[in-house]
Amino acid sequence: YYTDSVKGRFTISTDNAKNTVNLQMNSLKPEDTAVYFCAADPAIA
């Protein structure tokens, strides 16, 4: 799932071997400036 402003520019993925979640951010814009937080929850949605 993506918010509209990053669709086509950002890609989220997981790496089970490294137990990581990654966010590839391309074509960055000044309005992307922020503190980025990772979040997790075990519940199914």
PDB file of all heavy atoms in Angstrom:
ATOM      1  N   TYR A   1       0.850  -1.182   0.000  1.00  0.00           N
ATOM      2  CA  TYR A   1       0.000   0.000   0.000  1.00  0.00           C
ATOM      3  C   TYR A   1       0.891   1.239   0.000  1.00  0.00           C
ATOM      4  O   TYR A   1       1.943   1.248   0.648  1.00  0.00           O
ATOM      5  CB  TYR A   1      -0.893   0.035   1.245  1.00  0.00           C
ATOM      6  CG  TYR A   1      -1.812  -1.151   1.398  1.00  0.00           C
ATOM      7  CD1 TYR A   1      -1.389  -2.300   2.070  1.00  0.00           C
ATOM      8  CD2 TYR A   1      -3.107  -1.124   0.890  1.00  0.00           C
ATOM      9  CE1 TYR A   1      -2.237  -3.384   2.227  1.00  0.00           C
ATOM     10  CE2 TYR A   1      -3.959  -2.206   1.049  1.00  0.00           C
ATOM     11  CZ  TYR A   1      -3.519  -3.335   1.718  1.00  0.00           C
ATOM     12  OH  TYR A   1      -4.369  -4.404   1.869  1.00  0.00           O
ATOM     13  N   TYR A   2       0.454   2.272  -0.703  1.00  0.00           N
ATOM     14  CA  TYR A   2       1.213   3.512  -0.777  1.00  0.00           C
ATOM     15  C   TYR A   2       0.273   4.703  -0.684  1.00  0.00           C
ATOM     16  O   TYR A   2      -0.850   4.667  -1.200  1.00  0.00           O
ATOM     17  CB  TYR A   2       1.975   3.616  -2.092  1.00  0.00           C
ATOM     18  CG  TYR A   2       3.001   2.524  -2.299  1.00  0.00           C
ATOM     19  CD1 TYR A   2       2.681   1.368  -2.998  1.00  0.00           C
ATOM     20  CD2 TYR A   2       4.293   2.654  -1.793  1.00  0.00           C
ATOM     21  CE1 TYR A   2       3.618   0.363  -3.181  1.00  0.00           C
ATOM     22  CE2 TYR A   2       5.237   1.662  -1.981  1.00  0.00           C
ATOM     23  CZ  TYR A   2       4.883   0.510  -2.674  1.00  0.00           C
ATOM     24  OH  TYR A   2       5.818  -0.482  -2.847  1.00  0.00           O
ATOM     25  N   THR A   3       0.768   5.772  -0.081  1.00  0.00           N
ATOM     26  CA  THR A   3       0.034   7.015  -0.177  1.00  0.00           C
ATOM     27  C   THR A   3       0.210   7.565  -1.593  1.00  0.00           C
ATOM     28  O   THR A   3       1.212   7.296  -2.260  1.00  0.00           O
ATOM     29  CB  THR A   3       0.526   8.019   0.882  1.00  0.00           C
ATOM     30  OG1 THR A   3      -0.371   9.112   0.953  1.00  0.00           O
ATOM     31  CG2 THR A   3       1.930   8.514   0.573  1.00  0.00           C
ATOM     32  N   ASP A   4      -0.769   8.321  -2.055  1.00  0.00           N
ATOM     33  CA  ASP A   4      -0.770   8.751  -3.458  1.00  0.00           C
ATOM     34  C   ASP A   4       0.489   9.530  -3.838  1.00  0.00           C
ATOM     35  O   ASP A   4       0.987   9.402  -4.970  1.00  0.00           O
ATOM     36  CB  ASP A   4      -2.005   9.607  -3.734  1.00  0.00           C
ATOM     37  CG  ASP A   4      -3.276   8.782  -3.811  1.00  0.00           C
ATOM     38  OD1 ASP A   4      -3.185   7.542  -3.927  1.00  0.00           O
ATOM     39  OD2 ASP A   4      -4.370   9.383  -3.762  1.00  0.00           O
ATOM     40  N   SER A   5       1.011  10.320  -2.928  1.00  0.00           N
ATOM     41  CA  SER A   5       2.124  11.203  -3.282  1.00  0.00           C
ATOM     42  C   SER A   5       3.434  10.460  -3.563  1.00  0.00           C
ATOM     43  O   SER A   5       4.362  11.049  -4.119  1.00  0.00           O
ATOM     44  CB  SER A   5       2.347  12.233  -2.179  1.00  0.00           C
ATOM     45  OG  SER A   5       2.725  11.594  -0.969  1.00  0.00           O
ATOM     46  N   VAL A   6       3.520   9.184  -3.193  1.00  0.00           N
ATOM     47  CA  VAL A   6       4.771   8.441  -3.421  1.00  0.00           C
ATOM     48  C   VAL A   6       4.603   7.303  -4.418  1.00  0.00           C
ATOM     49  O   VAL A   6       5.589   6.635  -4.766  1.00  0.00           O
ATOM     50  CB  VAL A   6       5.352   7.890  -2.104  1.00  0.00           C
ATOM     51  CG1 VAL A   6       5.480   9.000  -1.060  1.00  0.00           C
ATOM     52  CG2 VAL A   6       4.545   6.725  -1.564  1.00  0.00           C
ATOM     53  N   LYS A   7       3.391   7.068  -4.881  1.00  0.00           N
ATOM     54  CA  LYS A   7       3.157   5.984  -5.841  1.00  0.00           C
ATOM     55  C   LYS A   7       4.002   6.183  -7.091  1.00  0.00           C
ATOM     56  O   LYS A   7       4.073   7.267  -7.643  1.00  0.00           O
ATOM     57  CB  LYS A   7       1.677   5.907  -6.212  1.00  0.00           C
ATOM     58  CG  LYS A   7       0.805   5.281  -5.148  1.00  0.00           C
ATOM     59  CD  LYS A   7      -0.650   5.237  -5.597  1.00  0.00           C
ATOM     60  CE  LYS A   7      -1.532   4.628  -4.519  1.00  0.00           C
ATOM     61  NZ  LYS A   7      -2.970   4.648  -4.896  1.00  0.00           N
ATOM     62  N   GLY A   8       4.650   5.106  -7.523  1.00  0.00           N
ATOM     63  CA  GLY A   8       5.500   5.166  -8.697  1.00  0.00           C
ATOM     64  C   GLY A   8       6.917   5.637  -8.407  1.00  0.00           C
ATOM     65  O   GLY A   8       7.794   5.553  -9.280  1.00  0.00           O
ATOM     66  N   ARG A   9       7.150   6.145  -7.191  1.00  0.00           N
ATOM     67  CA  ARG A   9       8.501   6.623  -6.825  1.00  0.00           C
ATOM     68  C   ARG A   9       9.114   5.782  -5.713  1.00  0.00           C
ATOM     69  O   ARG A   9      10.334   5.579  -5.674  1.00  0.00           O
ATOM     70  CB  ARG A   9       8.439   8.084  -6.365  1.00  0.00           C
ATOM     71  CG  ARG A   9       7.911   9.040  -7.411  1.00  0.00           C
ATOM     72  CD  ARG A   9       8.097  10.502  -6.979  1.00  0.00           C
ATOM     73  NE  ARG A   9       7.361  10.827  -5.767  1.00  0.00           N
ATOM     74  CZ  ARG A   9       7.909  11.317  -4.660  1.00  0.00           C
ATOM     75  NH1 ARG A   9       9.207  11.524  -4.602  1.00  0.00           N
ATOM     76  NH2 ARG A   9       7.158  11.602  -3.600  1.00  0.00           N
ATOM     77  N   PHE A  10       8.287   5.324  -4.772  1.00  0.00           N
ATOM     78  CA  PHE A  10       8.773   4.556  -3.614  1.00  0.00           C
ATOM     79  C   PHE A  10       8.345   3.100  -3.755  1.00  0.00           C
ATOM     80  O   PHE A  10       7.268   2.800  -4.283  1.00  0.00           O
ATOM     81  CB  PHE A  10       8.188   5.104  -2.317  1.00  0.00           C
ATOM     82  CG  PHE A  10       8.694   6.458  -1.904  1.00  0.00           C
ATOM     83  CD1 PHE A  10       9.434   7.269  -2.761  1.00  0.00           C
ATOM     84  CD2 PHE A  10       8.415   6.948  -0.628  1.00  0.00           C
ATOM     85  CE1 PHE A  10       9.892   8.510  -2.359  1.00  0.00           C
ATOM     86  CE2 PHE A  10       8.861   8.189  -0.210  1.00  0.00           C
ATOM     87  CZ  PHE A  10       9.606   8.973  -1.090  1.00  0.00           C
ATOM     88  N   THR A  11       9.181   2.212  -3.248  1.00  0.00           N
ATOM     89  CA  THR A  11       8.860   0.790  -3.242  1.00  0.00           C
ATOM     90  C   THR A  11       9.205   0.198  -1.885  1.00  0.00           C
ATOM     91  O   THR A  11      10.342   0.321  -1.410  1.00  0.00           O
ATOM     92  CB  THR A  11       9.640   0.036  -4.325  1.00  0.00           C
ATOM     93  OG1 THR A  11       9.361   0.600  -5.605  1.00  0.00           O
ATOM     94  CG2 THR A  11       9.239  -1.433  -4.342  1.00  0.00           C
ATOM     95  N   ILE A  12       8.229  -0.453  -1.255  1.00  0.00           N
ATOM     96  CA  ILE A  12       8.450  -1.128   0.018  1.00  0.00           C
ATOM     97  C   ILE A  12       8.644  -2.613  -0.243  1.00  0.00           C
ATOM     98  O   ILE A  12       7.991  -3.201  -1.127  1.00  0.00           O
ATOM     99  CB  ILE A  12       7.278  -0.891   0.997  1.00  0.00           C
ATOM    100  CG1 ILE A  12       7.609  -1.435   2.388  1.00  0.00           C
ATOM    101  CG2 ILE A  12       5.974  -1.462   0.458  1.00  0.00           C
ATOM    102  CD1 ILE A  12       6.583  -1.046   3.460  1.00  0.00           C
ATOM    103  N   SER A  13       9.566  -3.223   0.508  1.00  0.00           N
ATOM    104  CA  SER A  13       9.821  -4.648   0.345  1.00  0.00           C
ATOM    105  C   SER A  13      10.361  -5.214   1.660  1.00  0.00           C
ATOM    106  O   SER A  13      10.814  -4.461   2.529  1.00  0.00           O
ATOM    107  CB  SER A  13      10.831  -4.894  -0.774  1.00  0.00           C
ATOM    108  OG  SER A  13      12.077  -4.297  -0.457  1.00  0.00           O
ATOM    109  N   THR A  14      10.275  -6.504   1.798  1.00  0.00           N
ATOM    110  CA  THR A  14      10.853  -7.164   2.968  1.00  0.00           C
ATOM    111  C   THR A  14      11.943  -8.129   2.531  1.00  0.00           C
ATOM    112  O   THR A  14      11.911  -8.650   1.401  1.00  0.00           O
ATOM    113  CB  THR A  14       9.798  -7.933   3.779  1.00  0.00           C
ATOM    114  OG1 THR A  14       9.068  -8.800   2.915  1.00  0.00           O
ATOM    115  CG2 THR A  14       8.834  -6.982   4.465  1.00  0.00           C
ATOM    116  N   ASP A  15      12.908  -8.330   3.390  1.00  0.00           N
ATOM    117  CA  ASP A  15      13.986  -9.276   3.170  1.00  0.00           C
ATOM    118  C   ASP A  15      13.960 -10.243   4.348  1.00  0.00           C
ATOM    119  O   ASP A  15      14.431  -9.917   5.436  1.00  0.00           O
ATOM    120  CB  ASP A  15      15.324  -8.547   3.086  1.00  0.00           C
ATOM    121  CG  ASP A  15      16.471  -9.476   2.733  1.00  0.00           C
ATOM    122  OD1 ASP A  15      16.417 -10.669   3.081  1.00  0.00           O
ATOM    123  OD2 ASP A  15      17.428  -9.010   2.106  1.00  0.00           O
ATOM    124  N   ASN A  16      13.377 -11.413   4.129  1.00  0.00           N
ATOM    125  CA  ASN A  16      13.213 -12.349   5.238  1.00  0.00           C
ATOM    126  C   ASN A  16      14.559 -12.872   5.747  1.00  0.00           C
ATOM    127  O   ASN A  16      14.713 -13.145   6.935  1.00  0.00           O
ATOM    128  CB  ASN A  16      12.329 -13.523   4.807  1.00  0.00           C
ATOM    129  CG  ASN A  16      10.886 -13.098   4.616  1.00  0.00           C
ATOM    130  OD1 ASN A  16      10.428 -12.110   5.196  1.00  0.00           O
ATOM    131  ND2 ASN A  16      10.152 -13.824   3.798  1.00  0.00           N
ATOM    132  N   ALA A  17      15.525 -12.996   4.869  1.00  0.00           N
ATOM    133  CA  ALA A  17      16.838 -13.504   5.278  1.00  0.00           C
ATOM    134  C   ALA A  17      17.519 -12.543   6.254  1.00  0.00           C
ATOM    135  O   ALA A  17      18.193 -12.966   7.192  1.00  0.00           O
ATOM    136  CB  ALA A  17      17.706 -13.738   4.057  1.00  0.00           C
ATOM    137  N   LYS A  18      17.334 -11.242   6.012  1.00  0.00           N
ATOM    138  CA  LYS A  18      17.955 -10.233   6.874  1.00  0.00           C
ATOM    139  C   LYS A  18      16.990  -9.723   7.940  1.00  0.00           C
ATOM    140  O   LYS A  18      17.386  -8.956   8.807  1.00  0.00           O
ATOM    141  CB  LYS A  18      18.454  -9.070   6.032  1.00  0.00           C
ATOM    142  CG  LYS A  18      19.567  -9.433   5.073  1.00  0.00           C
ATOM    143  CD  LYS A  18      20.048  -8.210   4.298  1.00  0.00           C
ATOM    144  CE  LYS A  18      21.185  -8.581   3.352  1.00  0.00           C
ATOM    145  NZ  LYS A  18      21.648  -7.389   2.567  1.00  0.00           N
ATOM    146  N   ASN A  19      15.728 -10.145   7.840  1.00  0.00           N
ATOM    147  CA  ASN A  19      14.677  -9.689   8.750  1.00  0.00           C
ATOM    148  C   ASN A  19      14.552  -8.168   8.748  1.00  0.00           C
ATOM    149  O   ASN A  19      14.534  -7.508   9.793  1.00  0.00           O
ATOM    150  CB  ASN A  19      14.912 -10.183  10.176  1.00  0.00           C
ATOM    151  CG  ASN A  19      13.596 -10.442  10.907  1.00  0.00           C
ATOM    152  OD1 ASN A  19      12.633 -10.913  10.315  1.00  0.00           O
ATOM    153  ND2 ASN A  19      13.548 -10.106  12.176  1.00  0.00           N
ATOM    154  N   THR A  20      14.466  -7.622   7.548  1.00  0.00           N
ATOM    155  CA  THR A  20      14.357  -6.177   7.378  1.00  0.00           C
ATOM    156  C   THR A  20      13.176  -5.829   6.472  1.00  0.00           C
ATOM    157  O   THR A  20      12.717  -6.655   5.669  1.00  0.00           O
ATOM    158  CB  THR A  20      15.615  -5.576   6.760  1.00  0.00           C
ATOM    159  OG1 THR A  20      15.834  -6.164   5.469  1.00  0.00           O
ATOM    160  CG2 THR A  20      16.836  -5.810   7.633  1.00  0.00           C
ATOM    161  N   VAL A  21      12.722  -4.607   6.615  1.00  0.00           N
ATOM    162  CA  VAL A  21      11.792  -4.012   5.658  1.00  0.00           C
ATOM    163  C   VAL A  21      12.495  -2.798   5.073  1.00  0.00           C
ATOM    164  O   VAL A  21      13.137  -2.038   5.802  1.00  0.00           O
ATOM    165  CB  VAL A  21      10.446  -3.635   6.302  1.00  0.00           C
ATOM    166  CG1 VAL A  21      10.623  -2.647   7.434  1.00  0.00           C
ATOM    167  CG2 VAL A  21       9.495  -3.086   5.251  1.00  0.00           C
ATOM    168  N   ASN A  22      12.419  -2.643   3.762  1.00  0.00           N
ATOM    169  CA  ASN A  22      13.156  -1.609   3.070  1.00  0.00           C
ATOM    170  C   ASN A  22      12.216  -0.663   2.346  1.00  0.00           C
ATOM    171  O   ASN A  22      11.107  -1.050   1.942  1.00  0.00           O
ATOM    172  CB  ASN A  22      14.119  -2.254   2.076  1.00  0.00           C
ATOM    173  CG  ASN A  22      15.029  -3.265   2.748  1.00  0.00           C
ATOM    174  OD1 ASN A  22      15.747  -2.943   3.689  1.00  0.00           O
ATOM    175  ND2 ASN A  22      14.981  -4.516   2.295  1.00  0.00           N
ATOM    176  N   LEU A  23      12.670   0.564   2.167  1.00  0.00           N
ATOM    177  CA  LEU A  23      11.910   1.544   1.402  1.00  0.00           C
ATOM    178  C   LEU A  23      12.861   2.178   0.394  1.00  0.00           C
ATOM    179  O   LEU A  23      13.741   2.957   0.775  1.00  0.00           O
ATOM    180  CB  LEU A  23      11.310   2.612   2.319  1.00  0.00           C
ATOM    181  CG  LEU A  23      10.372   3.606   1.633  1.00  0.00           C
ATOM    182  CD1 LEU A  23       9.093   2.892   1.173  1.00  0.00           C
ATOM    183  CD2 LEU A  23      10.025   4.760   2.557  1.00  0.00           C
ATOM    184  N   GLN A  24      12.708   1.803  -0.856  1.00  0.00           N
ATOM    185  CA  GLN A  24      13.491   2.399  -1.926  1.00  0.00           C
ATOM    186  C   GLN A  24      12.779   3.660  -2.376  1.00  0.00           C
ATOM    187  O   GLN A  24      11.620   3.602  -2.792  1.00  0.00           O
ATOM    188  CB  GLN A  24      13.641   1.422  -3.094  1.00  0.00           C
ATOM    189  CG  GLN A  24      14.404   1.987  -4.273  1.00  0.00           C
ATOM    190  CD  GLN A  24      15.863   2.252  -3.940  1.00  0.00           C
ATOM    191  OE1 GLN A  24      16.512   1.459  -3.259  1.00  0.00           O
ATOM    192  NE2 GLN A  24      16.374   3.377  -4.406  1.00  0.00           N
ATOM    193  N   MET A  25      13.471   4.780  -2.299  1.00  0.00           N
ATOM    194  CA  MET A  25      12.867   6.070  -2.623  1.00  0.00           C
ATOM    195  C   MET A  25      13.610   6.673  -3.804  1.00  0.00           C
ATOM    196  O   MET A  25      14.806   6.973  -3.703  1.00  0.00           O
ATOM    197  CB  MET A  25      12.932   7.010  -1.416  1.00  0.00           C
ATOM    198  CG  MET A  25      12.334   6.415  -0.156  1.00  0.00           C
ATOM    199  SD  MET A  25      12.252   7.588   1.212  1.00  0.00           S
ATOM    200  CE  MET A  25      13.992   7.867   1.502  1.00  0.00           C
ATOM    201  N   ASN A  26      12.928   6.814  -4.910  1.00  0.00           N
ATOM    202  CA  ASN A  26      13.493   7.393  -6.127  1.00  0.00           C
ATOM    203  C   ASN A  26      12.804   8.709  -6.457  1.00  0.00           C
ATOM    204  O   ASN A  26      11.725   8.995  -5.939  1.00  0.00           O
ATOM    205  CB  ASN A  26      13.334   6.419  -7.293  1.00  0.00           C
ATOM    206  CG  ASN A  26      14.046   5.098  -7.061  1.00  0.00           C
ATOM    207  OD1 ASN A  26      15.091   5.033  -6.422  1.00  0.00           O
ATOM    208  ND2 ASN A  26      13.488   4.023  -7.604  1.00  0.00           N
ATOM    209  N   SER A  27      13.426   9.476  -7.326  1.00  0.00           N
ATOM    210  CA  SER A  27      12.861  10.758  -7.769  1.00  0.00           C
ATOM    211  C   SER A  27      12.419  11.596  -6.575  1.00  0.00           C
ATOM    212  O   SER A  27      11.302  12.141  -6.542  1.00  0.00           O
ATOM    213  CB  SER A  27      11.676  10.518  -8.719  1.00  0.00           C
ATOM    214  OG  SER A  27      12.077   9.750  -9.830  1.00  0.00           O
ATOM    215  N   LEU A  28      13.285  11.715  -5.619  1.00  0.00           N
ATOM    216  CA  LEU A  28      12.928  12.417  -4.389  1.00  0.00           C
ATOM    217  C   LEU A  28      12.681  13.900  -4.642  1.00  0.00           C
ATOM    218  O   LEU A  28      13.308  14.521  -5.507  1.00  0.00           O
ATOM    219  CB  LEU A  28      14.030  12.235  -3.348  1.00  0.00           C
ATOM    220  CG  LEU A  28      14.008  10.861  -2.654  1.00  0.00           C
ATOM    221  CD1 LEU A  28      15.340  10.552  -2.001  1.00  0.00           C
ATOM    222  CD2 LEU A  28      12.879  10.818  -1.628  1.00  0.00           C
ATOM    223  N   LYS A  29      11.751  14.428  -3.851  1.00  0.00           N
ATOM    224  CA  LYS A  29      11.358  15.828  -3.958  1.00  0.00           C
ATOM    225  C   LYS A  29      11.600  16.521  -2.609  1.00  0.00           C
ATOM    226  O   LYS A  29      11.589  15.859  -1.568  1.00  0.00           O
ATOM    227  CB  LYS A  29       9.871  15.921  -4.303  1.00  0.00           C
ATOM    228  CG  LYS A  29       9.473  15.183  -5.565  1.00  0.00           C
ATOM    229  CD  LYS A  29       7.970  15.231  -5.773  1.00  0.00           C
ATOM    230  CE  LYS A  29       7.550  14.472  -7.023  1.00  0.00           C
ATOM    231  NZ  LYS A  29       6.073  14.523  -7.233  1.00  0.00           N
ATOM    232  N   PRO A  30      11.761  17.835  -2.614  1.00  0.00           N
ATOM    233  CA  PRO A  30      11.948  18.533  -1.328  1.00  0.00           C
ATOM    234  C   PRO A  30      10.819  18.252  -0.336  1.00  0.00           C
ATOM    235  O   PRO A  30      11.062  18.201   0.883  1.00  0.00           O
ATOM    236  CB  PRO A  30      11.986  20.002  -1.744  1.00  0.00           C
ATOM    237  CG  PRO A  30      12.553  19.971  -3.132  1.00  0.00           C
ATOM    238  CD  PRO A  30      11.964  18.739  -3.758  1.00  0.00           C
ATOM    239  N   GLU A  31       9.607  18.052  -0.831  1.00  0.00           N
ATOM    240  CA  GLU A  31       8.480  17.783   0.074  1.00  0.00           C
ATOM    241  C   GLU A  31       8.536  16.400   0.695  1.00  0.00           C
ATOM    242  O   GLU A  31       7.716  16.075   1.569  1.00  0.00           O
ATOM    243  CB  GLU A  31       7.139  17.979  -0.654  1.00  0.00           C
ATOM    244  CG  GLU A  31       7.016  17.240  -1.967  1.00  0.00           C
ATOM    245  CD  GLU A  31       7.349  18.137  -3.164  1.00  0.00           C
ATOM    246  OE1 GLU A  31       8.341  18.904  -3.084  1.00  0.00           O
ATOM    247  OE2 GLU A  31       6.611  18.042  -4.176  1.00  0.00           O
ATOM    248  N   ASP A  32       9.476  15.572   0.300  1.00  0.00           N
ATOM    249  CA  ASP A  32       9.685  14.276   0.953  1.00  0.00           C
ATOM    250  C   ASP A  32      10.535  14.414   2.215  1.00  0.00           C
ATOM    251  O   ASP A  32      10.708  13.433   2.952  1.00  0.00           O
ATOM    252  CB  ASP A  32      10.364  13.291   0.003  1.00  0.00           C
ATOM    253  CG  ASP A  32       9.500  12.917  -1.176  1.00  0.00           C
ATOM    254  OD1 ASP A  32       8.284  12.689  -0.996  1.00  0.00           O
ATOM    255  OD2 ASP A  32      10.043  12.844  -2.301  1.00  0.00           O
ATOM    256  N   THR A  33      11.059  15.600   2.453  1.00  0.00           N
ATOM    257  CA  THR A  33      11.891  15.830   3.626  1.00  0.00           C
ATOM    258  C   THR A  33      11.087  15.598   4.900  1.00  0.00           C
ATOM    259  O   THR A  33      10.020  16.169   5.091  1.00  0.00           O
ATOM    260  CB  THR A  33      12.438  17.259   3.619  1.00  0.00           C
ATOM    261  OG1 THR A  33      13.324  17.410   2.503  1.00  0.00           O
ATOM    262  CG2 THR A  33      13.197  17.562   4.905  1.00  0.00           C
ATOM    263  N   ALA A  34      11.601  14.731   5.772  1.00  0.00           N
ATOM    264  CA  ALA A  34      10.904  14.375   7.011  1.00  0.00           C
ATOM    265  C   ALA A  34      11.757  13.375   7.780  1.00  0.00           C
ATOM    266  O   ALA A  34      12.752  12.852   7.263  1.00  0.00           O
ATOM    267  CB  ALA A  34       9.545  13.756   6.713  1.00  0.00           C
ATOM    268  N   VAL A  35      11.339  13.107   8.992  1.00  0.00           N
ATOM    269  CA  VAL A  35      11.860  11.958   9.724  1.00  0.00           C
ATOM    270  C   VAL A  35      10.994  10.767   9.348  1.00  0.00           C
ATOM    271  O   VAL A  35       9.766  10.831   9.436  1.00  0.00           O
ATOM    272  CB  VAL A  35      11.831  12.184  11.246  1.00  0.00           C
ATOM    273  CG1 VAL A  35      12.321  10.939  11.980  1.00  0.00           C
ATOM    274  CG2 VAL A  35      12.678  13.392  11.617  1.00  0.00           C
ATOM    275  N   TYR A  36      11.638   9.694   8.923  1.00  0.00           N
ATOM    276  CA  TYR A  36      10.928   8.501   8.493  1.00  0.00           C
ATOM    277  C   TYR A  36      10.986   7.449   9.600  1.00  0.00           C
ATOM    278  O   TYR A  36      12.065   7.152  10.129  1.00  0.00           O
ATOM    279  CB  TYR A  36      11.537   7.954   7.210  1.00  0.00           C
ATOM    280  CG  TYR A  36      11.119   8.752   5.993  1.00  0.00           C
ATOM    281  CD1 TYR A  36      11.580  10.050   5.798  1.00  0.00           C
ATOM    282  CD2 TYR A  36      10.243   8.217   5.048  1.00  0.00           C
ATOM    283  CE1 TYR A  36      11.169  10.790   4.699  1.00  0.00           C
ATOM    284  CE2 TYR A  36       9.839   8.944   3.948  1.00  0.00           C
ATOM    285  CZ  TYR A  36      10.302  10.234   3.780  1.00  0.00           C
ATOM    286  OH  TYR A  36       9.904  10.968   2.695  1.00  0.00           O
ATOM    287  N   PHE A  37       9.818   6.900   9.901  1.00  0.00           N
ATOM    288  CA  PHE A  37       9.682   5.912  10.970  1.00  0.00           C
ATOM    289  C   PHE A  37       9.217   4.582  10.402  1.00  0.00           C
ATOM    290  O   PHE A  37       8.310   4.524   9.560  1.00  0.00           O
ATOM    291  CB  PHE A  37       8.659   6.372  12.004  1.00  0.00           C
ATOM    292  CG  PHE A  37       9.028   7.625  12.735  1.00  0.00           C
ATOM    293  CD1 PHE A  37       8.653   8.863  12.241  1.00  0.00           C
ATOM    294  CD2 PHE A  37       9.742   7.572  13.923  1.00  0.00           C
ATOM    295  CE1 PHE A  37       8.989  10.030  12.916  1.00  0.00           C
ATOM    296  CE2 PHE A  37      10.076   8.727  14.610  1.00  0.00           C
ATOM    297  CZ  PHE A  37       9.701   9.954  14.098  1.00  0.00           C
ATOM    298  N   CYS A  38       9.791   3.528  10.921  1.00  0.00           N
ATOM    299  CA  CYS A  38       9.352   2.176  10.632  1.00  0.00           C
ATOM    300  C   CYS A  38       8.367   1.747  11.722  1.00  0.00           C
ATOM    301  O   CYS A  38       8.552   2.089  12.899  1.00  0.00           O
ATOM    302  CB  CYS A  38      10.579   1.265  10.615  1.00  0.00           C
ATOM    303  SG  CYS A  38      10.244  -0.484  10.457  1.00  0.00           S
ATOM    304  N   ALA A  39       7.333   1.012  11.332  1.00  0.00           N
ATOM    305  CA  ALA A  39       6.334   0.550  12.290  1.00  0.00           C
ATOM    306  C   ALA A  39       5.980  -0.904  12.008  1.00  0.00           C
ATOM    307  O   ALA A  39       6.064  -1.352  10.863  1.00  0.00           O
ATOM    308  CB  ALA A  39       5.091   1.418  12.220  1.00  0.00           C
ATOM    309  N   ALA A  40       5.562  -1.604  13.053  1.00  0.00           N
ATOM    310  CA  ALA A  40       5.224  -3.014  12.892  1.00  0.00           C
ATOM    311  C   ALA A  40       4.090  -3.391  13.829  1.00  0.00           C
ATOM    312  O   ALA A  40       3.914  -2.803  14.907  1.00  0.00           O
ATOM    313  CB  ALA A  40       6.440  -3.891  13.183  1.00  0.00           C
ATOM    314  N   ASP A  41       3.329  -4.383  13.397  1.00  0.00           N
ATOM    315  CA  ASP A  41       2.256  -4.904  14.244  1.00  0.00           C
ATOM    316  C   ASP A  41       1.974  -6.341  13.839  1.00  0.00           C
ATOM    317  O   ASP A  41       1.978  -6.651  12.640  1.00  0.00           O
ATOM    318  CB  ASP A  41       0.999  -4.059  14.090  1.00  0.00           C
ATOM    319  CG  ASP A  41       0.015  -4.313  15.212  1.00  0.00           C
ATOM    320  OD1 ASP A  41      -0.767  -5.265  15.104  1.00  0.00           O
ATOM    321  OD2 ASP A  41       0.058  -3.557  16.207  1.00  0.00           O
ATOM    322  N   PRO A  42       1.712  -7.226  14.802  1.00  0.00           N
ATOM    323  CA  PRO A  42       1.473  -8.622  14.450  1.00  0.00           C
ATOM    324  C   PRO A  42       0.047  -8.916  13.972  1.00  0.00           C
ATOM    325  O   PRO A  42      -0.204  -9.978  13.398  1.00  0.00           O
ATOM    326  CB  PRO A  42       1.748  -9.357  15.766  1.00  0.00           C
ATOM    327  CG  PRO A  42       1.448  -8.355  16.824  1.00  0.00           C
ATOM    328  CD  PRO A  42       1.840  -7.018  16.244  1.00  0.00           C
ATOM    329  N   ALA A  43      -0.873  -7.999  14.192  1.00  0.00           N
ATOM    330  CA  ALA A  43      -2.266  -8.270  13.850  1.00  0.00           C
ATOM    331  C   ALA A  43      -2.476  -8.261  12.341  1.00  0.00           C
ATOM    332  O   ALA A  43      -1.878  -7.475  11.619  1.00  0.00           O
ATOM    333  CB  ALA A  43      -3.172  -7.230  14.494  1.00  0.00           C
ATOM    334  N   ILE A  44      -3.335  -9.128  11.892  1.00  0.00           N
ATOM    335  CA  ILE A  44      -3.689  -9.176  10.482  1.00  0.00           C
ATOM    336  C   ILE A  44      -4.638  -8.022  10.179  1.00  0.00           C
ATOM    337  O   ILE A  44      -5.513  -7.685  10.972  1.00  0.00           O
ATOM    338  CB  ILE A  44      -4.358 -10.519  10.143  1.00  0.00           C
ATOM    339  CG1 ILE A  44      -3.376 -11.672  10.400  1.00  0.00           C
ATOM    340  CG2 ILE A  44      -4.835 -10.542   8.696  1.00  0.00           C
ATOM    341  CD1 ILE A  44      -3.999 -13.040  10.238  1.00  0.00           C
ATOM    342  N   ALA A  45      -4.455  -7.405   9.046  1.00  0.00           N
ATOM    343  CA  ALA A  45      -5.342  -6.321   8.614  1.00  0.00           C
ATOM    344  C   ALA A  45      -5.729  -6.556   7.166  1.00  0.00           C
ATOM    345  O   ALA A  45      -4.971  -7.160   6.402  1.00  0.00           O
ATOM    346  CB  ALA A  45      -4.662  -4.973   8.772  1.00  0.00           C
TER     347      ALA A  45
END
